[in-house]
């Protein structure tokens, strides 16, 4: 359940970044996603 909630929040965050059209923030969002992915796998 917690994973699903985090996924939704992450998706909303990425959408907000893309709507703003700021490449740096999109990059940060992708980096955050990779960090979370590694965290969940560990």
Protein backbone atom coordinates (compact mmCIF):
# COMPACT_ATOMS: atom_id res chain seq x y z
CA UNK A 1 0.00 0.00 0.00
CA UNK A 2 2.76 2.43 0.97
CA UNK A 3 4.60 1.67 -2.26
CA UNK A 4 1.49 2.49 -4.30
CA UNK A 5 1.04 5.82 -2.49
CA UNK A 6 4.70 6.74 -3.05
CA UNK A 7 4.37 5.82 -6.73
CA UNK A 8 1.36 8.11 -7.12
CA UNK A 9 3.10 11.01 -5.40
CA UNK A 10 6.21 10.46 -7.52
CA UNK A 11 4.14 10.40 -10.70
CA UNK A 12 2.42 13.66 -9.74
CA UNK A 13 5.80 15.23 -9.00
CA UNK A 14 7.23 14.16 -12.37
CA UNK A 15 4.13 15.46 -14.17
CA UNK A 16 4.48 18.81 -12.42
CA UNK A 17 8.14 19.01 -13.47
CA UNK A 18 7.28 18.18 -17.10
CA UNK A 19 4.45 20.73 -17.15
CA UNK A 20 6.91 23.38 -15.99
CA UNK A 21 9.22 22.30 -18.80
CA UNK A 22 12.35 22.72 -16.69
CA UNK A 23 14.94 20.16 -17.81
CA UNK A 24 16.95 20.47 -14.60
CA UNK A 25 13.94 19.63 -12.46
CA UNK A 26 13.03 16.70 -14.72
CA UNK A 27 16.59 15.45 -14.26
CA UNK A 28 16.25 15.79 -10.50
CA UNK A 29 12.95 13.91 -10.66
CA UNK A 30 14.54 11.04 -12.60
CA UNK A 31 17.46 10.97 -10.16
CA UNK A 32 15.00 10.81 -7.27
CA UNK A 33 13.16 7.95 -8.97
CA UNK A 34 16.43 6.01 -9.39
CA UNK A 35 17.26 6.64 -5.73
CA UNK A 36 13.85 5.38 -4.60
CA UNK A 37 14.10 2.37 -6.88
CA UNK A 38 17.46 1.40 -5.36
CA UNK A 39 16.09 2.02 -1.86
CA UNK A 40 13.08 -0.27 -2.41
CA UNK A 41 15.25 -3.00 -3.94
CA UNK A 42 17.62 -2.99 -0.96
